[in-house]
Amino acid sequence: MADIIFDGIGKRYPDGYAAIANLDLHIRDGEFLVLVGPSGCGKSTALRMIAGLEDITDGRLIIDGVVANNLAPRDRDIAMVFQSYALYPHLNVEENIGFGLRVRGADKQVLAKKVRETAELLELSEHLKRKPGQLSGGQRQRVAMGRALVRDPKAFLMDEPLSNLDARLRGQMRTEIARLQKLTGVTTVYVTHDQVEAMTMGDRVAVMRHGVLQQLDTPRKLYDTPANLFVAGFIGAPSMNFMAADLVAVDGGIEARLGSFCFLFDRDDLALRPGLSRSIGDRVIFGIRPEMFTPVEHSGSAANTVTGEVVFVEDLGATLLAHIDIGSADGSLREIGHDGEGALSAPRLRVVLDGQMHIRAGETITLAVKAGNIHVFNAQTERAIRD
């Protein structure tokens, strides 16, 4: 096991494109860290740098206290699991798991013992004599993991290993990989574009965008206190609703005006987020998660409520995902996209409701949300407004 440190790491290609920019990241010994972000954000490049498959342009990569910039991949004692299983079809499970040790000249008795223990850990003992073609997708992925586990490496690197599995198997394998990591205690870096995988598997999650680390924190803190507009929109499913608002000082606190709707932050709210008081008069971006709305009886223009028309309802069984238009004819209310852009003429909220509710398209609904559940971002910097 080992800790892995990115110390001002940069990766720039000959054409000038910067895949990674000044990345500072400390992956702790024994930690399960997930790198997540959209395609092209640099997460796989960062993983390949650890493995020695990508050259480093700037900074230092430190593995177990040793600067590894110029170390050959085989000298780093790193095991990698790829998106494709990369199993040898003519070898059985036992031979595939032990292949790496066998080519390194491991003692036969030691090899057999390690393969047996690894197969037992992965619940593959009954399949040791089978070929990959006789296994399910989940079993083949476990064999690929076994080939990495049997080596007792300093760290595991996993590059979207579940992308080729169906939804049911992905759910099973998420649990399996997280369980195995806890059992072995090996430092693990896991790359995915799926924020559900990131939130359910990682001890900590590093959110990346355009080669820049946006936020590094526990899954719960990423959800509760996103650092900026991008993280807020990327983490959470369904994604957060964003709307432009203006902050105005009123008796007893600050009022946020969103078209014809208003939300009041009282003195208790402001004590928790003093940065709001310094943003009076500014245009801000409101963020409200779909699950934070509560249906209420319509009561005119009550504060901290919005009223709109149900456009479409997705029945998800335990919950309903309602799409609700709350726009005004004068265009005074704007919906904002995840990247701070993308105004729509009719702002539409995504709202998660109880699956037992009876609601249909065309109905009018009023929704309340507590001020403490509203995220506020600076419209210029896109940073969260808190302290």
Protein backbone atom coordinates (compact mmCIF):
# COMPACT_ATOMS: atom_id res chain seq x y z
CA MET A 1 0.00 0.00 0.00
CA ALA A 2 1.07 3.57 -0.61
CA ASP A 3 -0.01 7.17 -0.72
CA ILE A 4 0.10 8.95 -4.09
CA ILE A 5 0.77 12.67 -4.41
CA PHE A 6 0.20 14.92 -7.42
CA ASP A 7 2.40 17.94 -6.74
CA GLY A 8 1.58 20.68 -9.27
CA ILE A 9 1.17 18.10 -12.04
CA GLY A 10 0.58 19.34 -15.57
CA LYS A 11 0.15 17.59 -18.91
CA ARG A 12 0.44 19.57 -22.12
CA TYR A 13 0.52 18.00 -25.57
CA PRO A 14 2.73 19.24 -28.45
CA ASP A 15 -0.21 21.10 -30.01
CA GLY A 16 -0.52 23.17 -26.83
CA TYR A 17 -3.61 21.44 -25.43
CA ALA A 18 -3.49 21.23 -21.62
CA ALA A 19 -5.12 17.98 -20.48
CA ILE A 20 -4.14 18.57 -16.83
CA ALA A 21 -3.37 21.94 -15.24
CA ASN A 22 -1.47 22.33 -11.95
CA LEU A 23 -3.08 19.35 -10.21
CA ASP A 24 -2.45 19.10 -6.46
CA LEU A 25 -3.95 15.96 -4.99
CA HIS A 26 -2.97 13.71 -2.08
CA ILE A 27 -4.41 10.18 -2.26
CA ARG A 28 -4.02 8.68 1.19
CA ASP A 29 -2.61 5.27 1.98
CA GLY A 30 -5.47 2.74 1.86
CA GLU A 31 -7.98 5.24 0.51
CA PHE A 32 -10.58 4.60 -2.19
CA LEU A 33 -10.50 7.80 -4.24
CA VAL A 34 -12.74 8.38 -7.24
CA LEU A 35 -11.87 10.74 -10.10
CA VAL A 36 -15.11 11.85 -11.76
CA GLY A 37 -16.08 14.29 -14.46
CA PRO A 38 -17.40 14.54 -18.02
CA SER A 39 -15.53 13.19 -21.05
CA GLY A 40 -12.33 15.12 -21.71
CA CYS A 41 -11.95 16.44 -18.15
CA GLY A 42 -8.53 14.78 -17.65
CA LYS A 43 -9.47 12.03 -15.20
CA SER A 44 -8.15 9.13 -17.33
CA THR A 45 -5.02 11.12 -18.17
CA ALA A 46 -4.34 11.55 -14.44
CA LEU A 47 -4.81 7.81 -13.91
CA ARG A 48 -2.47 6.95 -16.77
CA MET A 49 0.16 9.27 -15.28
CA ILE A 50 0.13 7.19 -12.09
CA ALA A 51 0.57 4.04 -14.15
CA GLY A 52 3.43 5.57 -16.16
CA LEU A 53 1.51 5.40 -19.44
CA GLU A 54 1.51 9.20 -19.89
CA ASP A 55 4.51 11.51 -19.61
CA ILE A 56 4.31 14.33 -17.08
CA THR A 57 4.98 17.84 -18.41
CA ASP A 58 5.15 19.72 -15.10
CA GLY A 59 5.28 18.92 -11.41
CA ARG A 60 6.08 15.78 -9.45
CA LEU A 61 4.30 12.48 -9.01
CA ILE A 62 5.22 10.83 -5.71
CA ILE A 63 4.33 7.18 -5.03
CA ASP A 64 5.09 5.79 -1.58
CA GLY A 65 7.56 8.62 -0.92
CA VAL A 66 9.47 8.16 -4.21
CA VAL A 67 9.35 10.63 -7.12
CA ALA A 68 8.01 8.47 -9.93
CA ASN A 69 8.12 10.84 -12.92
CA ASN A 70 10.81 8.84 -14.68
CA LEU A 71 10.08 5.38 -13.29
CA ALA A 72 9.13 2.75 -15.87
CA PRO A 73 5.57 1.35 -15.47
CA ARG A 74 6.85 -2.05 -14.33
CA ASP A 75 8.92 -0.44 -11.56
CA ARG A 76 5.96 1.36 -9.96
CA ASP A 77 4.29 -1.75 -8.51
CA ILE A 78 0.88 -0.57 -9.70
CA ALA A 79 -1.95 -2.87 -10.89
CA MET A 80 -4.47 -1.57 -13.42
CA VAL A 81 -7.96 -2.78 -14.31
CA PHE A 82 -9.24 -1.51 -17.66
CA GLN A 83 -12.70 -0.97 -19.13
CA SER A 84 -12.15 -4.03 -21.33
CA TYR A 85 -11.47 -7.20 -19.37
CA ALA A 86 -8.36 -8.03 -21.46
CA LEU A 87 -8.45 -11.71 -20.49
CA TYR A 88 -6.63 -14.41 -22.43
CA PRO A 89 -9.44 -16.45 -24.05
CA HIS A 90 -7.37 -19.64 -24.32
CA LEU A 91 -6.49 -19.64 -20.59
CA ASN A 92 -8.86 -20.67 -17.82
CA VAL A 93 -9.71 -18.53 -14.79
CA GLU A 94 -6.87 -19.96 -12.69
CA GLU A 95 -4.31 -19.31 -15.43
CA ASN A 96 -5.60 -15.80 -16.12
CA ILE A 97 -5.44 -14.79 -12.47
CA GLY A 98 -1.92 -16.14 -12.02
CA PHE A 99 -0.51 -15.02 -15.37
CA GLY A 100 1.30 -11.93 -14.08
CA LEU A 101 3.01 -13.80 -11.27
CA ARG A 102 3.90 -16.70 -13.53
CA VAL A 103 5.75 -14.52 -16.06
CA ARG A 104 7.64 -12.95 -13.13
CA GLY A 105 8.91 -16.42 -12.19
CA ALA A 106 6.97 -16.84 -8.94
CA ASP A 107 7.39 -20.13 -7.09
CA LYS A 108 4.70 -22.61 -8.16
CA GLN A 109 3.49 -23.33 -4.65
CA VAL A 110 3.35 -19.63 -3.78
CA LEU A 111 1.54 -18.94 -7.06
CA ALA A 112 -1.04 -21.67 -6.46
CA LYS A 113 -1.69 -20.45 -2.91
CA LYS A 114 -2.14 -16.81 -3.97
CA VAL A 115 -4.44 -17.73 -6.85
CA ARG A 116 -6.54 -19.94 -4.56
CA GLU A 117 -6.85 -17.21 -1.91
CA THR A 118 -7.69 -14.55 -4.50
CA ALA A 119 -10.31 -16.76 -6.17
CA GLU A 120 -11.91 -17.41 -2.79
CA LEU A 121 -12.01 -13.68 -2.03
CA LEU A 122 -13.69 -13.03 -5.38
CA GLU A 123 -16.04 -16.01 -5.09
CA LEU A 124 -14.54 -17.61 -8.18
CA SER A 125 -13.32 -20.86 -6.61
CA GLU A 126 -15.95 -22.92 -8.46
CA HIS A 127 -14.98 -21.45 -11.83
CA LEU A 128 -11.18 -21.86 -11.84
CA LYS A 129 -11.19 -24.33 -14.73
CA ARG A 130 -13.57 -22.35 -16.92
CA LYS A 131 -12.51 -20.25 -19.90
CA PRO A 132 -13.57 -16.57 -20.10
CA GLY A 133 -16.14 -17.41 -22.79
CA GLN A 134 -18.00 -19.53 -20.24
CA LEU A 135 -18.34 -16.70 -17.72
CA SER A 136 -20.83 -13.86 -17.28
CA GLY A 137 -19.72 -10.25 -17.66
CA GLY A 138 -19.54 -9.76 -13.90
CA GLN A 139 -17.47 -12.92 -13.45
CA ARG A 140 -15.04 -11.85 -16.18
CA GLN A 141 -14.63 -8.47 -14.51
CA ARG A 142 -13.86 -10.23 -11.23
CA VAL A 143 -11.22 -12.35 -12.99
CA ALA A 144 -9.63 -9.14 -14.32
CA MET A 145 -9.64 -7.76 -10.77
CA GLY A 146 -8.17 -11.01 -9.48
CA ARG A 147 -5.24 -10.71 -11.86
CA ALA A 148 -4.51 -7.34 -10.25
CA LEU A 149 -5.21 -8.43 -6.66
CA VAL A 150 -2.95 -11.49 -6.75
CA ARG A 151 0.12 -9.30 -7.15
CA ASP A 152 -0.32 -7.45 -3.81
CA PRO A 153 0.48 -4.11 -5.52
CA LYS A 154 1.00 -0.76 -3.84
CA ALA A 155 -2.11 0.62 -5.54
CA PHE A 156 -4.97 -0.34 -7.83
CA LEU A 157 -5.94 1.85 -10.77
CA MET A 158 -9.40 1.26 -12.27
CA ASP A 159 -10.38 2.97 -15.53
CA GLU A 160 -14.20 2.80 -15.88
CA PRO A 161 -14.21 -0.97 -15.24
CA LEU A 162 -18.01 -1.27 -15.16
CA SER A 163 -18.88 0.54 -18.39
CA ASN A 164 -19.44 -2.68 -20.34
CA LEU A 165 -21.89 -4.16 -17.84
CA ASP A 166 -25.68 -3.79 -17.78
CA ALA A 167 -27.37 -1.72 -15.06
CA ARG A 168 -28.07 -4.67 -12.74
CA LEU A 169 -24.51 -5.99 -12.92
CA ARG A 170 -23.07 -2.50 -12.45
CA GLY A 171 -24.98 -2.22 -9.19
CA GLN A 172 -23.69 -5.57 -8.00
CA MET A 173 -20.10 -4.86 -9.02
CA ARG A 174 -20.09 -1.43 -7.34
CA THR A 175 -20.79 -3.14 -4.05
CA GLU A 176 -18.29 -5.92 -4.79
CA ILE A 177 -15.41 -3.58 -5.65
CA ALA A 178 -16.01 -1.37 -2.62
CA ARG A 179 -16.17 -4.46 -0.36
CA LEU A 180 -12.95 -5.89 -1.77
CA GLN A 181 -11.13 -2.60 -1.33
CA LYS A 182 -12.12 -2.47 2.33
CA LEU A 183 -11.01 -6.07 2.83
CA THR A 184 -7.62 -5.63 1.18
CA GLY A 185 -6.94 -2.03 2.28
CA VAL A 186 -5.05 -1.32 -0.95
CA THR A 187 -4.92 2.29 -2.13
CA THR A 188 -7.36 2.51 -5.04
CA VAL A 189 -7.90 5.21 -7.66
CA TYR A 190 -11.11 4.72 -9.63
CA VAL A 191 -12.05 6.71 -12.75
CA THR A 192 -15.66 7.10 -13.85
CA HIS A 193 -17.99 9.55 -15.59
CA ASP A 194 -20.93 8.15 -13.59
CA GLN A 195 -21.59 10.29 -10.53
CA VAL A 196 -23.69 7.50 -8.97
CA GLU A 197 -20.60 5.25 -8.96
CA ALA A 198 -18.55 8.09 -7.53
CA MET A 199 -20.99 8.86 -4.72
CA THR A 200 -21.60 5.25 -3.68
CA MET A 201 -18.02 3.92 -3.84
CA GLY A 202 -15.47 6.56 -2.93
CA ASP A 203 -14.11 7.53 0.48
CA ARG A 204 -13.45 10.85 -1.23
CA VAL A 205 -14.34 12.11 -4.69
CA ALA A 206 -12.30 14.46 -6.89
CA VAL A 207 -14.49 16.32 -9.39
CA MET A 208 -12.61 17.47 -12.50
CA ARG A 209 -13.43 19.80 -15.39
CA HIS A 210 -11.21 20.87 -18.29
CA GLY A 211 -8.15 19.39 -16.56
CA VAL A 212 -8.71 21.38 -13.37
CA LEU A 213 -9.69 19.94 -9.98
CA GLN A 214 -12.97 21.58 -8.98
CA GLN A 215 -13.52 20.04 -5.55
CA LEU A 216 -12.15 17.19 -3.45
CA ASP A 217 -14.33 15.99 -0.62
CA THR A 218 -16.47 13.21 0.78
CA PRO A 219 -19.57 12.29 -1.28
CA ARG A 220 -21.88 13.78 1.37
CA LYS A 221 -20.05 17.12 1.46
CA LEU A 222 -20.03 17.33 -2.35
CA TYR A 223 -23.80 16.93 -2.26
CA ASP A 224 -24.47 19.24 0.69
CA THR A 225 -21.87 21.98 0.05
CA PRO A 226 -20.76 22.06 -3.60
CA ALA A 227 -17.94 24.55 -4.15
CA ASN A 228 -19.24 25.93 -7.43
CA LEU A 229 -21.98 25.81 -10.04
CA PHE A 230 -20.37 22.98 -12.00
CA VAL A 231 -20.02 20.63 -9.02
CA ALA A 232 -23.57 21.43 -7.91
CA GLY A 233 -24.94 20.53 -11.33
CA PHE A 234 -22.77 17.47 -11.84
CA ILE A 235 -23.35 15.84 -8.46
CA GLY A 236 -26.88 14.65 -7.79
CA ALA A 237 -29.50 12.88 -9.88
CA PRO A 238 -31.74 14.38 -11.12
CA SER A 239 -29.50 17.40 -11.47
CA MET A 240 -29.97 20.63 -9.55
CA ASN A 241 -32.31 23.36 -10.81
CA PHE A 242 -30.62 26.72 -11.48
CA MET A 243 -32.26 30.14 -11.85
CA ALA A 244 -31.07 33.73 -11.91
CA ALA A 245 -32.08 35.91 -8.93
CA ASP A 246 -31.46 39.35 -7.44
CA LEU A 247 -30.68 39.93 -3.74
CA VAL A 248 -32.41 42.85 -2.04
CA ALA A 249 -32.19 44.00 1.59
CA VAL A 250 -35.53 43.98 3.46
CA ASP A 251 -36.62 44.25 7.07
CA GLY A 252 -35.59 41.10 8.85
CA GLY A 253 -33.15 39.80 6.28
CA ILE A 254 -32.51 39.51 2.54
CA GLU A 255 -35.05 38.82 -0.15
CA ALA A 256 -34.12 36.96 -3.34
CA ARG A 257 -36.37 37.84 -6.26
CA LEU A 258 -36.88 35.35 -9.06
CA GLY A 259 -39.33 36.96 -11.46
CA SER A 260 -42.63 37.12 -9.58
CA PHE A 261 -41.41 34.76 -6.85
CA CYS A 262 -39.45 35.70 -3.76
CA PHE A 263 -37.46 33.83 -1.13
CA LEU A 264 -36.58 35.26 2.27
CA PHE A 265 -33.31 34.62 4.09
CA ASP A 266 -33.89 35.64 7.70
CA ARG A 267 -31.23 36.57 10.28
CA ASP A 268 -30.69 32.93 11.27
CA ASP A 269 -30.06 31.99 7.64
CA LEU A 270 -27.66 34.89 7.20
CA ALA A 271 -25.72 33.90 10.32
CA LEU A 272 -24.95 30.57 8.63
CA ARG A 273 -24.11 32.25 5.29
CA PRO A 274 -22.71 35.72 5.99
CA GLY A 275 -21.51 35.97 2.39
CA LEU A 276 -25.09 36.66 1.32
CA SER A 277 -25.07 39.99 3.15
CA ARG A 278 -22.05 41.07 1.09
CA SER A 279 -23.89 40.16 -2.12
CA ILE A 280 -26.87 42.50 -1.69
CA GLY A 281 -27.61 44.19 -5.01
CA ASP A 282 -25.84 41.47 -6.99
CA ARG A 283 -27.22 39.07 -9.57
CA VAL A 284 -26.82 35.54 -8.22
CA ILE A 285 -27.73 32.03 -9.29
CA PHE A 286 -30.13 30.01 -7.19
CA GLY A 287 -29.68 26.24 -7.02
CA ILE A 288 -32.41 23.97 -5.67
CA ARG A 289 -32.21 20.19 -5.76
CA PRO A 290 -35.33 18.45 -7.15
CA GLU A 291 -35.86 16.48 -3.94
CA MET A 292 -35.95 19.61 -1.74
CA PHE A 293 -39.40 20.82 -2.85
CA THR A 294 -42.54 20.12 -0.80
CA PRO A 295 -46.04 20.41 -2.31
CA VAL A 296 -48.26 22.86 -0.38
CA GLU A 297 -51.73 24.37 -0.71
CA HIS A 298 -51.76 27.32 -3.09
CA SER A 299 -51.72 30.56 -1.08
CA GLY A 300 -51.19 33.36 -3.55
CA SER A 301 -47.65 34.72 -3.65
CA ALA A 302 -46.38 33.37 -0.31
CA ALA A 303 -42.65 33.71 0.26
CA ASN A 304 -40.44 30.70 -0.35
CA THR A 305 -42.95 29.09 -2.72
CA VAL A 306 -43.26 28.75 -6.48
CA THR A 307 -46.35 27.93 -8.50
CA GLY A 308 -46.34 26.42 -11.96
CA GLU A 309 -47.98 24.11 -14.46
CA VAL A 310 -47.13 20.42 -14.59
CA VAL A 311 -45.89 19.70 -18.12
CA PHE A 312 -44.81 16.07 -17.85
CA VAL A 313 -44.56 13.40 -15.16
CA GLU A 314 -42.10 10.50 -15.15
CA ASP A 315 -43.35 7.64 -12.96
CA LEU A 316 -40.26 6.04 -11.41
CA GLY A 317 -42.18 3.81 -9.01
CA ALA A 318 -41.17 4.98 -5.55
CA THR A 319 -40.98 8.57 -6.78
CA LEU A 320 -42.36 10.81 -9.50
CA LEU A 321 -40.16 13.20 -11.47
CA ALA A 322 -42.36 16.14 -12.40
CA HIS A 323 -41.37 18.80 -14.95
CA ILE A 324 -43.02 22.08 -13.99
CA ASP A 325 -43.06 25.35 -15.94
CA ILE A 326 -42.84 28.39 -13.67
CA GLY A 327 -41.87 31.00 -16.27
CA SER A 328 -43.52 34.39 -16.67
CA ALA A 329 -44.65 35.98 -19.89
CA ASP A 330 -42.40 39.02 -19.41
CA GLY A 331 -39.27 36.86 -19.34
CA SER A 332 -38.21 38.20 -15.94
CA LEU A 333 -37.36 34.70 -14.72
CA ARG A 334 -34.45 32.84 -16.33
CA GLU A 335 -33.34 29.24 -16.04
CA ILE A 336 -29.57 28.70 -16.03
CA GLY A 337 -27.74 25.66 -17.38
CA HIS A 338 -25.10 23.69 -15.43
CA ASP A 339 -22.34 25.70 -17.06
CA GLY A 340 -23.91 29.04 -16.15
CA GLU A 341 -25.38 29.46 -19.62
CA GLY A 342 -28.43 28.33 -21.54
CA ALA A 343 -31.35 30.63 -20.70
CA LEU A 344 -34.79 29.20 -21.52
CA SER A 345 -37.87 31.25 -22.32
CA ALA A 346 -39.98 29.17 -19.93
CA PRO A 347 -38.01 28.07 -16.86
CA ARG A 348 -38.79 24.46 -16.03
CA LEU A 349 -38.19 22.86 -12.65
CA ARG A 350 -37.44 19.19 -12.14
CA VAL A 351 -39.15 18.12 -8.93
CA VAL A 352 -39.04 14.76 -7.14
CA LEU A 353 -42.37 13.88 -5.53
CA ASP A 354 -43.70 10.92 -3.59
CA GLY A 355 -44.72 8.09 -5.91
CA GLN A 356 -48.16 7.88 -4.26
CA MET A 357 -49.10 11.41 -5.32
CA HIS A 358 -51.79 11.78 -7.95
CA ILE A 359 -50.61 14.47 -10.32
CA ARG A 360 -51.14 14.91 -14.05
CA ALA A 361 -49.94 17.15 -16.86
CA GLY A 362 -51.89 20.40 -17.06
CA GLU A 363 -52.44 20.72 -13.31
CA THR A 364 -51.17 23.67 -11.28
CA ILE A 365 -48.97 22.93 -8.29
CA THR A 366 -47.42 25.07 -5.56
CA LEU A 367 -44.08 24.04 -4.07
CA ALA A 368 -42.27 25.27 -0.97
CA VAL A 369 -38.57 25.04 -0.20
CA LYS A 370 -36.72 25.95 2.99
CA ALA A 371 -34.16 28.73 2.66
CA GLY A 372 -31.51 26.46 4.19
CA ASN A 373 -31.91 24.06 1.25
CA ILE A 374 -31.19 26.73 -1.36
CA HIS A 375 -27.69 26.99 -2.80
CA VAL A 376 -26.57 30.45 -3.91
CA PHE A 377 -23.74 31.10 -6.39
CA ASN A 378 -22.02 34.26 -7.58
CA ALA A 379 -23.19 34.83 -11.17
CA GLN A 380 -19.72 36.02 -12.26
CA THR A 381 -17.35 33.59 -10.55
CA GLU A 382 -19.87 30.72 -10.21
CA ARG A 383 -18.46 30.10 -6.72
CA ALA A 384 -20.82 29.17 -3.88
CA ILE A 385 -21.70 32.05 -1.57
CA ARG A 386 -21.31 30.95 2.03
CA ASP A 387 -18.66 32.47 4.32
